[in-house]
């Protein structure tokens, strides 16, 4: 059971890191609002699993539908 817990923690940390990377990419593209939203989602992702992924997907969908 310990291995499963370690895998879950690793995946949660990977999700947080990728959300922070997405935020940095947004800042580099000049999208400050999107970057701040993603950084907020990364901060929340330790408490709400998957929030960073959902936020990133919603931002992409919003841009396509605009």
C-alpha atoms as a PDB file:
ATOM      1  CA  UNK A   1       0.000   0.000   0.000  1.00  0.00           C
ATOM      2  CA  UNK A   2       2.906   2.301   0.533  1.00  0.00           C
ATOM      3  CA  UNK A   3       3.810   2.129  -3.150  1.00  0.00           C
ATOM      4  CA  UNK A   4       0.342   3.292  -4.167  1.00  0.00           C
ATOM      5  CA  UNK A   5       0.604   6.281  -1.845  1.00  0.00           C
ATOM      6  CA  UNK A   6       3.995   7.197  -3.257  1.00  0.00           C
ATOM      7  CA  UNK A   7       2.661   6.991  -6.811  1.00  0.00           C
ATOM      8  CA  UNK A   8      -0.294   9.186  -5.922  1.00  0.00           C
ATOM      9  CA  UNK A   9       1.997  11.785  -4.357  1.00  0.00           C
ATOM     10  CA  UNK A  10       4.308  11.683  -7.372  1.00  0.00           C
ATOM     11  CA  UNK A  11       1.407  12.205  -9.768  1.00  0.00           C
ATOM     12  CA  UNK A  12       0.031  15.052  -7.651  1.00  0.00           C
ATOM     13  CA  UNK A  13       3.438  16.745  -7.607  1.00  0.00           C
ATOM     14  CA  UNK A  14       3.849  16.232 -11.360  1.00  0.00           C
ATOM     15  CA  UNK A  15       0.454  17.823 -11.966  1.00  0.00           C
ATOM     16  CA  UNK A  16       1.407  20.826  -9.847  1.00  0.00           C
ATOM     17  CA  UNK A  17       4.728  21.225 -11.642  1.00  0.00           C
ATOM     18  CA  UNK A  18       3.148  21.050 -15.101  1.00  0.00           C
ATOM     19  CA  UNK A  19       0.561  23.647 -14.093  1.00  0.00           C
ATOM     20  CA  UNK A  20       3.353  25.974 -12.928  1.00  0.00           C
ATOM     21  CA  UNK A  21       5.168  25.393 -16.236  1.00  0.00           C
ATOM     22  CA  UNK A  22       1.951  26.232 -18.124  1.00  0.00           C
ATOM     23  CA  UNK A  23       1.691  29.421 -16.066  1.00  0.00           C
ATOM     24  CA  UNK A  24       5.267  30.416 -16.895  1.00  0.00           C
ATOM     25  CA  UNK A  25       4.552  29.841 -20.594  1.00  0.00           C
ATOM     26  CA  UNK A  26       1.518  32.100 -20.332  1.00  0.00           C
ATOM     27  CA  UNK A  27       3.604  34.837 -18.725  1.00  0.00           C
ATOM     28  CA  UNK A  28       6.196  34.449 -21.494  1.00  0.00           C
ATOM     29  CA  UNK A  29       3.444  34.909 -24.098  1.00  0.00           C
ATOM     30  CA  UNK A  30       2.262  38.071 -22.352  1.00  0.00           C
ATOM     31  CA  UNK A  31      -0.927  36.543 -20.966  1.00  0.00           C
ATOM     32  CA  UNK A  32      -0.680  37.762 -17.405  1.00  0.00           C
ATOM     33  CA  UNK A  33      -4.253  36.929 -16.395  1.00  0.00           C
ATOM     34  CA  UNK A  34      -4.021  33.343 -17.615  1.00  0.00           C
ATOM     35  CA  UNK A  35      -0.663  32.964 -15.903  1.00  0.00           C
ATOM     36  CA  UNK A  36      -2.047  34.176 -12.593  1.00  0.00           C
ATOM     37  CA  UNK A  37      -5.069  31.900 -12.914  1.00  0.00           C
ATOM     38  CA  UNK A  38      -2.821  28.892 -13.539  1.00  0.00           C
ATOM     39  CA  UNK A  39      -0.550  29.797 -10.624  1.00  0.00           C
ATOM     40  CA  UNK A  40      -3.605  29.970  -8.393  1.00  0.00           C
ATOM     41  CA  UNK A  41      -4.728  26.580  -9.670  1.00  0.00           C
ATOM     42  CA  UNK A  42      -1.262  25.162  -8.985  1.00  0.00           C
ATOM     43  CA  UNK A  43      -1.445  26.450  -5.418  1.00  0.00           C
ATOM     44  CA  UNK A  44      -4.867  24.864  -4.955  1.00  0.00           C
ATOM     45  CA  UNK A  45      -3.895  21.580  -6.572  1.00  0.00           C
ATOM     46  CA  UNK A  46      -2.327  20.321  -3.361  1.00  0.00           C
ATOM     47  CA  UNK A  47      -5.816  20.372  -1.819  1.00  0.00           C
ATOM     48  CA  UNK A  48      -7.973  19.758  -4.909  1.00  0.00           C
ATOM     49  CA  UNK A  49      -6.444  17.093  -7.166  1.00  0.00           C
ATOM     50  CA  UNK A  50      -6.797  17.798 -10.882  1.00  0.00           C
ATOM     51  CA  UNK A  51      -7.721  21.474 -10.580  1.00  0.00           C
ATOM     52  CA  UNK A  52      -4.640  22.537 -12.531  1.00  0.00           C
ATOM     53  CA  UNK A  53      -5.424  20.203 -15.412  1.00  0.00           C
ATOM     54  CA  UNK A  54      -9.051  21.312 -15.513  1.00  0.00           C
ATOM     55  CA  UNK A  55      -8.052  24.987 -15.464  1.00  0.00           C
ATOM     56  CA  UNK A  56      -5.562  24.494 -18.280  1.00  0.00           C
ATOM     57  CA  UNK A  57      -8.115  22.642 -20.415  1.00  0.00           C
ATOM     58  CA  UNK A  58     -10.777  25.288 -19.809  1.00  0.00           C
ATOM     59  CA  UNK A  59      -8.365  28.082 -20.789  1.00  0.00           C
ATOM     60  CA  UNK A  60      -7.498  26.281 -24.026  1.00  0.00           C
ATOM     61  CA  UNK A  61     -11.174  25.663 -24.830  1.00  0.00           C
ATOM     62  CA  UNK A  62     -11.993  29.309 -24.110  1.00  0.00           C
ATOM     63  CA  UNK A  63      -9.280  30.493 -26.508  1.00  0.00           C
ATOM     64  CA  UNK A  64     -10.480  28.199 -29.279  1.00  0.00           C
ATOM     65  CA  UNK A  65     -14.106  29.261 -28.917  1.00  0.00           C
ATOM     66  CA  UNK A  66     -13.373  32.985 -28.764  1.00  0.00           C
END
